[in-house]
Amino acid sequence: MPTAEDVAVVHRLYAAVAAGDRSAVAECFDEEAIWHLPGTNALSGTHRGWSAIRDDLLAKQGPLSGGTFRAQLLDLAVGSEYIVAVVRATADHADRRLDLTVCQLMRVHNGKILEVRGHYSDDAALNAFWGPAPGATHGSQVGNPCDGSVERH
C-alpha cells in the first residue's frame, strides 16, 4: 500500500512541474521508472528510465507548447497498490488549445515514482495538440488496442 511518503512525492512532483524545477522533478522518479503515454502524438509511447522520461517526454512539452503547458494537480486517490493523480492539463499555442482532465495511474514505492500510465479525457484532442509522432503514418485507429481489435483507416 502506498505510504504517506509515496503520496508526498506525487504532491512534490506537481509542485516541481508548476515551478519549472527540473532537478526537483528528477528527485521524484526512480532511475528505472516507466511512463506510458497513449496516443499517436509526438509525446506518445513507453518512456523507459528517467533519462527517456526527461528527454523524450518532459523536455519536449515546453517547446511543443510554446512554453504554455501546465499540469494542475486537482486531487489524489490512494488505493492498495496505486495512487491516481487527477490533473487538469492546459496549453495554448499556435492556434491549438489543450484543456483536458487527466488521470495518472502511478505506482510509487519508497518515495520514488516507478510507473505512470496516463488516461486522458479526450485522446483525439491530446493527439491534435501535440502533433503527430515523428514518422507516423496518416490515418486514424478504430478499436481497442488492448484486445487487438485496432484497425487503421
Protein backbone atom coordinates (compact mmCIF):
# COMPACT_ATOMS: atom_id res chain seq x y z
CA MET A 1 0.00 0.00 0.00
CA PRO A 2 1.32 3.48 -0.81
CA THR A 3 2.69 5.28 2.24
CA ALA A 4 2.45 8.93 3.28
CA GLU A 5 5.96 9.36 1.78
CA ASP A 6 4.66 7.99 -1.55
CA VAL A 7 1.70 10.38 -1.56
CA ALA A 8 4.02 13.28 -0.69
CA VAL A 9 6.27 12.57 -3.69
CA VAL A 10 3.29 12.92 -6.05
CA HIS A 11 2.47 16.30 -4.49
CA ARG A 12 6.15 17.31 -4.84
CA LEU A 13 6.16 16.22 -8.48
CA TYR A 14 3.30 18.53 -9.47
CA ALA A 15 4.67 21.40 -7.38
CA ALA A 16 8.04 20.99 -9.11
CA VAL A 17 6.43 20.84 -12.56
CA ALA A 18 4.47 24.03 -11.78
CA ALA A 19 7.66 25.76 -10.61
CA GLY A 20 9.69 24.54 -13.58
CA ASP A 21 12.16 22.93 -11.15
CA ARG A 22 13.64 20.10 -13.23
CA SER A 23 16.01 18.91 -10.51
CA ALA A 24 13.10 18.55 -8.07
CA VAL A 25 11.14 16.66 -10.74
CA ALA A 26 14.10 14.30 -11.20
CA GLU A 27 14.20 13.56 -7.46
CA CYS A 28 10.64 12.22 -7.66
CA PHE A 29 11.46 9.40 -10.09
CA ASP A 30 13.25 6.11 -9.77
CA GLU A 31 16.08 5.83 -12.34
CA GLU A 32 14.27 2.85 -13.91
CA ALA A 33 10.80 4.45 -13.92
CA ILE A 34 8.45 3.92 -16.86
CA TRP A 35 5.91 6.45 -18.22
CA HIS A 36 3.26 5.21 -20.65
CA LEU A 37 1.60 7.96 -22.68
CA PRO A 38 -1.11 6.74 -25.07
CA GLY A 39 -1.91 8.06 -28.49
CA THR A 40 -0.27 8.77 -31.79
CA ASN A 41 1.34 12.09 -30.99
CA ALA A 42 4.88 13.41 -30.66
CA LEU A 43 4.98 12.54 -26.94
CA SER A 44 3.28 9.12 -27.13
CA GLY A 45 5.00 5.92 -26.22
CA THR A 46 6.52 3.98 -23.38
CA HIS A 47 9.37 6.03 -21.94
CA ARG A 48 11.70 3.66 -20.06
CA GLY A 49 14.09 5.11 -17.48
CA TRP A 50 14.43 8.61 -16.06
CA SER A 51 16.58 9.84 -18.96
CA ALA A 52 13.90 8.82 -21.51
CA ILE A 53 11.13 10.38 -19.41
CA ARG A 54 13.17 13.57 -19.11
CA ASP A 55 14.42 13.80 -22.69
CA ASP A 56 11.65 12.20 -24.75
CA LEU A 57 8.62 13.45 -22.82
CA LEU A 58 9.09 16.24 -20.29
CA ALA A 59 11.73 18.22 -22.21
CA LYS A 60 9.55 18.28 -25.32
CA GLN A 61 6.42 19.62 -23.61
CA GLY A 62 7.78 23.17 -23.35
CA PRO A 63 8.93 23.60 -26.96
CA LEU A 64 5.86 21.87 -28.43
CA SER A 65 3.51 24.05 -26.35
CA GLY A 66 5.38 27.31 -26.78
CA GLY A 67 6.10 27.17 -23.06
CA THR A 68 2.39 27.24 -22.16
CA PHE A 69 1.90 23.68 -20.90
CA ARG A 70 0.57 23.47 -17.32
CA ALA A 71 -0.37 20.44 -15.22
CA GLN A 72 -2.52 21.39 -12.24
CA LEU A 73 -2.99 18.69 -9.60
CA LEU A 74 -6.68 18.64 -8.68
CA ASP A 75 -6.95 15.57 -6.47
CA LEU A 76 -5.31 12.32 -5.42
CA ALA A 77 -6.85 8.94 -4.79
CA VAL A 78 -4.84 6.34 -2.90
CA GLY A 79 -5.62 2.67 -3.25
CA SER A 80 -3.99 -0.53 -2.08
CA GLU A 81 -1.48 -0.57 -4.99
CA TYR A 82 -1.73 2.73 -6.86
CA ILE A 83 -2.01 6.46 -6.47
CA VAL A 84 -4.20 8.24 -9.01
CA ALA A 85 -3.40 11.88 -9.68
CA VAL A 86 -6.33 13.78 -11.17
CA VAL A 87 -4.85 16.62 -13.19
CA ARG A 88 -6.00 19.46 -15.42
CA ALA A 89 -3.61 19.74 -18.38
CA THR A 90 -3.71 23.00 -20.33
CA ALA A 91 -1.73 24.71 -23.07
CA ASP A 92 -2.42 27.28 -25.78
CA HIS A 93 -0.02 27.61 -28.70
CA ALA A 94 -0.09 28.23 -32.46
CA ASP A 95 -3.90 28.27 -32.73
CA ARG A 96 -4.13 24.99 -30.80
CA ARG A 97 -5.65 24.65 -27.35
CA LEU A 98 -5.36 21.84 -24.84
CA ASP A 99 -7.68 21.58 -21.84
CA LEU A 100 -8.03 18.03 -20.59
CA THR A 101 -8.74 16.13 -17.43
CA VAL A 102 -6.05 13.54 -16.89
CA CYS A 103 -5.85 10.58 -14.55
CA GLN A 104 -2.26 9.50 -13.99
CA LEU A 105 -2.22 5.99 -12.56
CA MET A 106 1.02 5.79 -10.57
CA ARG A 107 3.00 3.08 -8.86
CA VAL A 108 5.14 4.65 -6.16
CA HIS A 109 7.44 2.89 -3.69
CA ASN A 110 9.82 4.23 -1.04
CA GLY A 111 9.12 7.81 -2.10
CA LYS A 112 10.00 7.26 -5.78
CA ILE A 113 7.69 7.07 -8.78
CA LEU A 114 8.16 3.72 -10.53
CA GLU A 115 5.47 3.89 -13.21
CA VAL A 116 2.95 6.34 -14.67
CA ARG A 117 0.10 5.43 -17.02
CA GLY A 118 -1.73 8.39 -18.49
CA HIS A 119 -5.50 8.30 -19.10
CA TYR A 120 -6.94 11.35 -20.87
CA SER A 121 -10.48 12.69 -21.19
CA ASP A 122 -10.06 13.27 -24.94
CA ASP A 123 -7.36 11.29 -26.75
CA ALA A 124 -8.14 12.96 -30.08
CA ALA A 125 -7.58 16.42 -28.56
CA LEU A 126 -4.36 15.21 -26.94
CA ASN A 127 -3.05 13.92 -30.29
CA ALA A 128 -4.17 17.03 -32.17
CA PHE A 129 -2.43 19.39 -29.76
CA TRP A 130 0.94 17.62 -29.56
CA GLY A 131 1.03 16.79 -33.27
CA PRO A 132 1.92 13.55 -34.99
CA ALA A 133 4.72 11.33 -33.83
CA PRO A 134 7.84 11.54 -35.99
CA GLY A 135 7.48 9.04 -38.81
CA ALA A 136 3.80 8.45 -38.07
CA THR A 137 1.58 7.38 -40.92
CA HIS A 138 -1.59 9.31 -41.65
CA GLY A 139 -4.92 7.84 -40.74
CA SER A 140 -6.87 7.04 -37.67
CA GLN A 141 -7.25 3.99 -35.50
CA VAL A 142 -10.55 2.39 -34.65
CA GLY A 143 -10.93 -0.22 -31.94
CA ASN A 144 -9.30 -1.22 -28.71
CA PRO A 145 -5.56 -1.94 -28.80
CA CYS A 146 -5.86 -3.88 -25.53
CA ASP A 147 -7.90 -6.63 -27.17
CA GLY A 148 -6.24 -6.50 -30.57
CA SER A 149 -9.24 -5.02 -32.39
CA VAL A 150 -7.44 -2.00 -33.84
CA GLU A 151 -7.95 -1.17 -37.49
CA ARG A 152 -6.11 1.60 -39.34
CA HIS A 153 -8.03 3.78 -41.80
